[in-house]
N, C-alpha and C. Protein backbone atom coordinates (compact mmCIF):
# COMPACT_ATOMS: atom_id res chain seq x y z
N MET A 1 -26.05 -56.30 -53.41
CA MET A 1 -25.77 -57.68 -53.69
C MET A 1 -26.21 -58.57 -52.52
N GLU A 2 -26.05 -58.04 -51.31
CA GLU A 2 -26.43 -58.81 -50.13
C GLU A 2 -27.95 -59.03 -50.08
N GLU A 3 -28.73 -58.03 -50.52
CA GLU A 3 -30.18 -58.17 -50.55
C GLU A 3 -30.60 -59.26 -51.53
N LEU A 4 -29.90 -59.36 -52.66
CA LEU A 4 -30.20 -60.39 -53.66
C LEU A 4 -29.96 -61.78 -53.09
N ILE A 5 -28.88 -61.95 -52.36
CA ILE A 5 -28.57 -63.25 -51.76
C ILE A 5 -29.63 -63.62 -50.72
N VAL A 6 -30.06 -62.66 -49.92
CA VAL A 6 -31.10 -62.92 -48.93
C VAL A 6 -32.41 -63.29 -49.63
N ALA A 7 -32.76 -62.55 -50.68
CA ALA A 7 -34.00 -62.83 -51.42
C ALA A 7 -33.95 -64.21 -52.06
N LEU A 8 -32.83 -64.57 -52.65
CA LEU A 8 -32.69 -65.89 -53.26
C LEU A 8 -32.75 -67.00 -52.22
N THR A 9 -32.16 -66.77 -51.06
CA THR A 9 -32.21 -67.75 -49.98
C THR A 9 -33.64 -67.97 -49.51
N VAL A 10 -34.39 -66.90 -49.33
CA VAL A 10 -35.79 -67.02 -48.93
C VAL A 10 -36.59 -67.75 -50.00
N PHE A 11 -36.35 -67.44 -51.27
CA PHE A 11 -37.05 -68.09 -52.37
C PHE A 11 -36.77 -69.59 -52.39
N VAL A 12 -35.52 -69.97 -52.29
CA VAL A 12 -35.16 -71.40 -52.32
C VAL A 12 -35.77 -72.13 -51.13
N LEU A 13 -35.72 -71.53 -49.96
CA LEU A 13 -36.33 -72.16 -48.78
C LEU A 13 -37.85 -72.28 -48.94
N ALA A 14 -38.49 -71.26 -49.51
CA ALA A 14 -39.94 -71.31 -49.73
C ALA A 14 -40.31 -72.41 -50.71
N VAL A 15 -39.51 -72.56 -51.77
CA VAL A 15 -39.77 -73.64 -52.73
C VAL A 15 -39.62 -75.00 -52.05
N PHE A 16 -38.58 -75.18 -51.28
CA PHE A 16 -38.35 -76.45 -50.60
C PHE A 16 -39.47 -76.76 -49.61
N VAL A 17 -39.83 -75.81 -48.77
CA VAL A 17 -40.88 -76.03 -47.78
C VAL A 17 -42.22 -76.27 -48.48
N GLY A 18 -42.51 -75.50 -49.53
CA GLY A 18 -43.76 -75.69 -50.28
C GLY A 18 -43.86 -77.08 -50.87
N PHE A 19 -42.77 -77.55 -51.46
CA PHE A 19 -42.76 -78.89 -52.05
C PHE A 19 -42.98 -79.96 -50.98
N GLU A 20 -42.30 -79.82 -49.86
CA GLU A 20 -42.44 -80.80 -48.79
C GLU A 20 -43.85 -80.83 -48.22
N VAL A 21 -44.47 -79.67 -48.08
CA VAL A 21 -45.83 -79.61 -47.54
C VAL A 21 -46.82 -80.22 -48.52
N ILE A 22 -46.72 -79.85 -49.78
CA ILE A 22 -47.66 -80.34 -50.80
C ILE A 22 -47.49 -81.85 -51.01
N ALA A 23 -46.27 -82.35 -50.97
CA ALA A 23 -46.02 -83.76 -51.21
C ALA A 23 -46.64 -84.65 -50.13
N LYS A 24 -46.86 -84.11 -48.97
CA LYS A 24 -47.38 -84.91 -47.87
C LYS A 24 -48.90 -84.79 -47.71
N VAL A 25 -49.58 -84.10 -48.63
CA VAL A 25 -51.03 -83.94 -48.56
C VAL A 25 -51.70 -85.20 -49.08
N PRO A 26 -52.60 -85.80 -48.30
CA PRO A 26 -53.31 -86.99 -48.80
C PRO A 26 -54.25 -86.62 -49.94
N PRO A 27 -54.53 -87.57 -50.84
CA PRO A 27 -55.38 -87.28 -51.99
C PRO A 27 -56.76 -86.75 -51.62
N LEU A 28 -57.28 -87.13 -50.47
CA LEU A 28 -58.60 -86.67 -50.04
C LEU A 28 -58.65 -85.15 -49.86
N LEU A 29 -57.51 -84.55 -49.55
CA LEU A 29 -57.48 -83.11 -49.28
C LEU A 29 -57.05 -82.27 -50.49
N HIS A 30 -56.84 -82.89 -51.64
CA HIS A 30 -56.37 -82.12 -52.79
C HIS A 30 -57.37 -81.06 -53.25
N THR A 31 -58.67 -81.38 -53.25
CA THR A 31 -59.67 -80.41 -53.71
C THR A 31 -59.74 -79.20 -52.78
N PRO A 32 -59.83 -79.37 -51.46
CA PRO A 32 -59.81 -78.18 -50.59
C PRO A 32 -58.50 -77.39 -50.69
N LEU A 33 -57.40 -78.10 -50.90
CA LEU A 33 -56.12 -77.41 -51.04
C LEU A 33 -56.11 -76.59 -52.32
N MET A 34 -56.67 -77.13 -53.40
CA MET A 34 -56.74 -76.40 -54.66
C MET A 34 -57.60 -75.14 -54.50
N SER A 35 -58.68 -75.24 -53.75
CA SER A 35 -59.52 -74.07 -53.51
C SER A 35 -58.76 -72.99 -52.74
N GLY A 36 -57.99 -73.42 -51.77
CA GLY A 36 -57.16 -72.46 -51.03
C GLY A 36 -56.11 -71.82 -51.91
N ALA A 37 -55.52 -72.62 -52.80
CA ALA A 37 -54.52 -72.07 -53.72
C ALA A 37 -55.16 -71.07 -54.68
N ASN A 38 -56.41 -71.32 -55.07
CA ASN A 38 -57.12 -70.37 -55.93
C ASN A 38 -57.33 -69.04 -55.21
N ALA A 39 -57.63 -69.10 -53.94
CA ALA A 39 -57.81 -67.86 -53.17
C ALA A 39 -56.51 -67.08 -53.11
N ILE A 40 -55.40 -67.78 -52.91
CA ILE A 40 -54.10 -67.12 -52.86
C ILE A 40 -53.76 -66.53 -54.23
N SER A 41 -54.09 -67.26 -55.30
CA SER A 41 -53.84 -66.74 -56.65
C SER A 41 -54.69 -65.50 -56.92
N GLY A 42 -55.88 -65.45 -56.35
CA GLY A 42 -56.71 -64.26 -56.49
C GLY A 42 -56.06 -63.05 -55.83
N ILE A 43 -55.44 -63.26 -54.69
CA ILE A 43 -54.72 -62.18 -54.02
C ILE A 43 -53.52 -61.75 -54.86
N THR A 44 -52.84 -62.73 -55.46
CA THR A 44 -51.72 -62.43 -56.36
C THR A 44 -52.19 -61.59 -57.53
N LEU A 45 -53.37 -61.92 -58.05
CA LEU A 45 -53.93 -61.16 -59.18
C LEU A 45 -54.18 -59.70 -58.79
N VAL A 46 -54.68 -59.48 -57.60
CA VAL A 46 -54.91 -58.10 -57.14
C VAL A 46 -53.58 -57.35 -57.03
N GLY A 47 -52.56 -58.00 -56.48
CA GLY A 47 -51.24 -57.37 -56.40
C GLY A 47 -50.66 -57.07 -57.76
N ALA A 48 -50.87 -57.97 -58.71
CA ALA A 48 -50.38 -57.76 -60.07
C ALA A 48 -51.09 -56.58 -60.73
N LEU A 49 -52.38 -56.45 -60.48
CA LEU A 49 -53.13 -55.31 -61.03
C LEU A 49 -52.61 -53.99 -60.46
N VAL A 50 -52.29 -54.00 -59.18
CA VAL A 50 -51.74 -52.79 -58.55
C VAL A 50 -50.38 -52.45 -59.16
N ALA A 51 -49.54 -53.49 -59.36
CA ALA A 51 -48.22 -53.26 -59.94
C ALA A 51 -48.32 -52.75 -61.37
N ALA A 52 -49.23 -53.32 -62.15
CA ALA A 52 -49.38 -52.89 -63.54
C ALA A 52 -49.98 -51.49 -63.61
N GLY A 53 -50.91 -51.19 -62.71
CA GLY A 53 -51.58 -49.89 -62.73
C GLY A 53 -50.73 -48.75 -62.22
N ALA A 54 -49.70 -49.04 -61.46
CA ALA A 54 -48.85 -47.97 -60.90
C ALA A 54 -48.08 -47.25 -62.00
N GLN A 55 -47.68 -47.94 -63.04
CA GLN A 55 -46.96 -47.39 -64.18
C GLN A 55 -45.77 -46.53 -63.75
N ALA A 56 -44.99 -47.07 -62.83
CA ALA A 56 -43.80 -46.34 -62.37
C ALA A 56 -42.76 -46.25 -63.48
N THR A 57 -42.48 -47.38 -64.13
CA THR A 57 -41.58 -47.40 -65.28
C THR A 57 -42.18 -48.36 -66.31
N LEU A 58 -41.61 -48.36 -67.50
CA LEU A 58 -42.09 -49.27 -68.54
C LEU A 58 -41.87 -50.72 -68.12
N LEU A 59 -40.73 -51.00 -67.48
CA LEU A 59 -40.44 -52.37 -67.05
C LEU A 59 -41.46 -52.86 -66.03
N THR A 60 -41.79 -52.04 -65.04
CA THR A 60 -42.76 -52.48 -64.03
C THR A 60 -44.15 -52.65 -64.64
N THR A 61 -44.50 -51.83 -65.60
CA THR A 61 -45.79 -51.96 -66.26
C THR A 61 -45.86 -53.26 -67.06
N VAL A 62 -44.79 -53.57 -67.80
CA VAL A 62 -44.76 -54.81 -68.58
C VAL A 62 -44.76 -56.02 -67.66
N LEU A 63 -43.95 -56.00 -66.63
CA LEU A 63 -43.93 -57.12 -65.69
C LEU A 63 -45.26 -57.26 -64.95
N GLY A 64 -45.88 -56.15 -64.63
CA GLY A 64 -47.20 -56.19 -64.00
C GLY A 64 -48.24 -56.79 -64.92
N PHE A 65 -48.18 -56.42 -66.20
CA PHE A 65 -49.11 -56.98 -67.18
C PHE A 65 -48.91 -58.49 -67.30
N LEU A 66 -47.66 -58.93 -67.38
CA LEU A 66 -47.38 -60.36 -67.47
C LEU A 66 -47.86 -61.09 -66.21
N ALA A 67 -47.67 -60.46 -65.05
CA ALA A 67 -48.14 -61.07 -63.81
C ALA A 67 -49.66 -61.18 -63.80
N VAL A 68 -50.35 -60.17 -64.33
CA VAL A 68 -51.82 -60.23 -64.43
C VAL A 68 -52.23 -61.39 -65.33
N ALA A 69 -51.57 -61.51 -66.48
CA ALA A 69 -51.92 -62.57 -67.43
C ALA A 69 -51.69 -63.95 -66.81
N PHE A 70 -50.53 -64.17 -66.21
CA PHE A 70 -50.22 -65.48 -65.62
C PHE A 70 -51.12 -65.79 -64.42
N ALA A 71 -51.38 -64.80 -63.58
CA ALA A 71 -52.24 -65.03 -62.42
C ALA A 71 -53.67 -65.33 -62.86
N THR A 72 -54.13 -64.68 -63.92
CA THR A 72 -55.47 -64.96 -64.44
C THR A 72 -55.57 -66.38 -64.95
N VAL A 73 -54.58 -66.81 -65.72
CA VAL A 73 -54.55 -68.19 -66.21
C VAL A 73 -54.54 -69.16 -65.04
N ASN A 74 -53.78 -68.86 -64.01
CA ASN A 74 -53.69 -69.72 -62.84
C ASN A 74 -55.03 -69.82 -62.11
N VAL A 75 -55.70 -68.70 -61.92
CA VAL A 75 -56.98 -68.69 -61.21
C VAL A 75 -58.03 -69.45 -62.02
N VAL A 76 -58.15 -69.13 -63.30
CA VAL A 76 -59.17 -69.78 -64.13
C VAL A 76 -58.89 -71.28 -64.24
N GLY A 77 -57.66 -71.65 -64.50
CA GLY A 77 -57.31 -73.07 -64.58
C GLY A 77 -57.57 -73.79 -63.27
N GLY A 78 -57.25 -73.16 -62.17
CA GLY A 78 -57.49 -73.78 -60.87
C GLY A 78 -58.96 -74.02 -60.60
N PHE A 79 -59.80 -73.03 -60.95
CA PHE A 79 -61.23 -73.23 -60.75
C PHE A 79 -61.78 -74.31 -61.69
N LEU A 80 -61.28 -74.40 -62.91
CA LEU A 80 -61.72 -75.45 -63.83
C LEU A 80 -61.34 -76.83 -63.31
N VAL A 81 -60.12 -76.96 -62.81
CA VAL A 81 -59.68 -78.25 -62.26
C VAL A 81 -60.49 -78.60 -61.02
N THR A 82 -60.73 -77.63 -60.15
CA THR A 82 -61.52 -77.89 -58.94
C THR A 82 -62.94 -78.30 -59.32
N HIS A 83 -63.53 -77.62 -60.29
CA HIS A 83 -64.89 -77.96 -60.74
C HIS A 83 -64.93 -79.39 -61.29
N ARG A 84 -63.95 -79.74 -62.08
CA ARG A 84 -63.90 -81.09 -62.64
C ARG A 84 -63.72 -82.15 -61.54
N MET A 85 -62.87 -81.85 -60.57
CA MET A 85 -62.66 -82.80 -59.47
C MET A 85 -63.94 -82.98 -58.66
N LEU A 86 -64.63 -81.88 -58.38
CA LEU A 86 -65.85 -81.98 -57.59
C LEU A 86 -66.97 -82.69 -58.36
N SER A 87 -66.97 -82.56 -59.69
CA SER A 87 -68.00 -83.23 -60.49
C SER A 87 -67.85 -84.75 -60.44
N MET A 88 -66.67 -85.23 -60.12
CA MET A 88 -66.47 -86.68 -60.01
C MET A 88 -67.20 -87.25 -58.80
N PHE A 89 -67.54 -86.43 -57.82
CA PHE A 89 -68.20 -86.90 -56.60
C PHE A 89 -69.70 -86.71 -56.64
N ARG A 90 -70.24 -86.17 -57.73
CA ARG A 90 -71.69 -85.98 -57.83
C ARG A 90 -72.36 -87.29 -58.17
N ARG A 91 -73.59 -87.43 -57.69
CA ARG A 91 -74.37 -88.63 -58.01
C ARG A 91 -74.87 -88.53 -59.45
N LYS A 92 -74.87 -89.66 -60.10
CA LYS A 92 -75.38 -89.71 -61.46
C LYS A 92 -76.89 -90.00 -61.39
N HIS A 93 -77.66 -89.26 -62.14
CA HIS A 93 -79.13 -89.44 -62.12
C HIS A 93 -79.54 -90.37 -63.20
């Protein structure tokens, strides 16, 4: 039970710090920040593949599969948004 409380405390603090950091980012830096977030999501995808591939129990396999699906959606969506944002800065011919 004590480990759960510690994990929840770390999670809540990470959410709070993440929100505070992201809220203070100027609009000019949103595109590079999105690219960095895509890289982190790619690492998450690799971890999810490892978790799904381990097949320790049915629960871990199902959760790993869901993590792969969500991380894939996150990576693809992030790259699409970044591509669209960067296309706004291209010169029109």
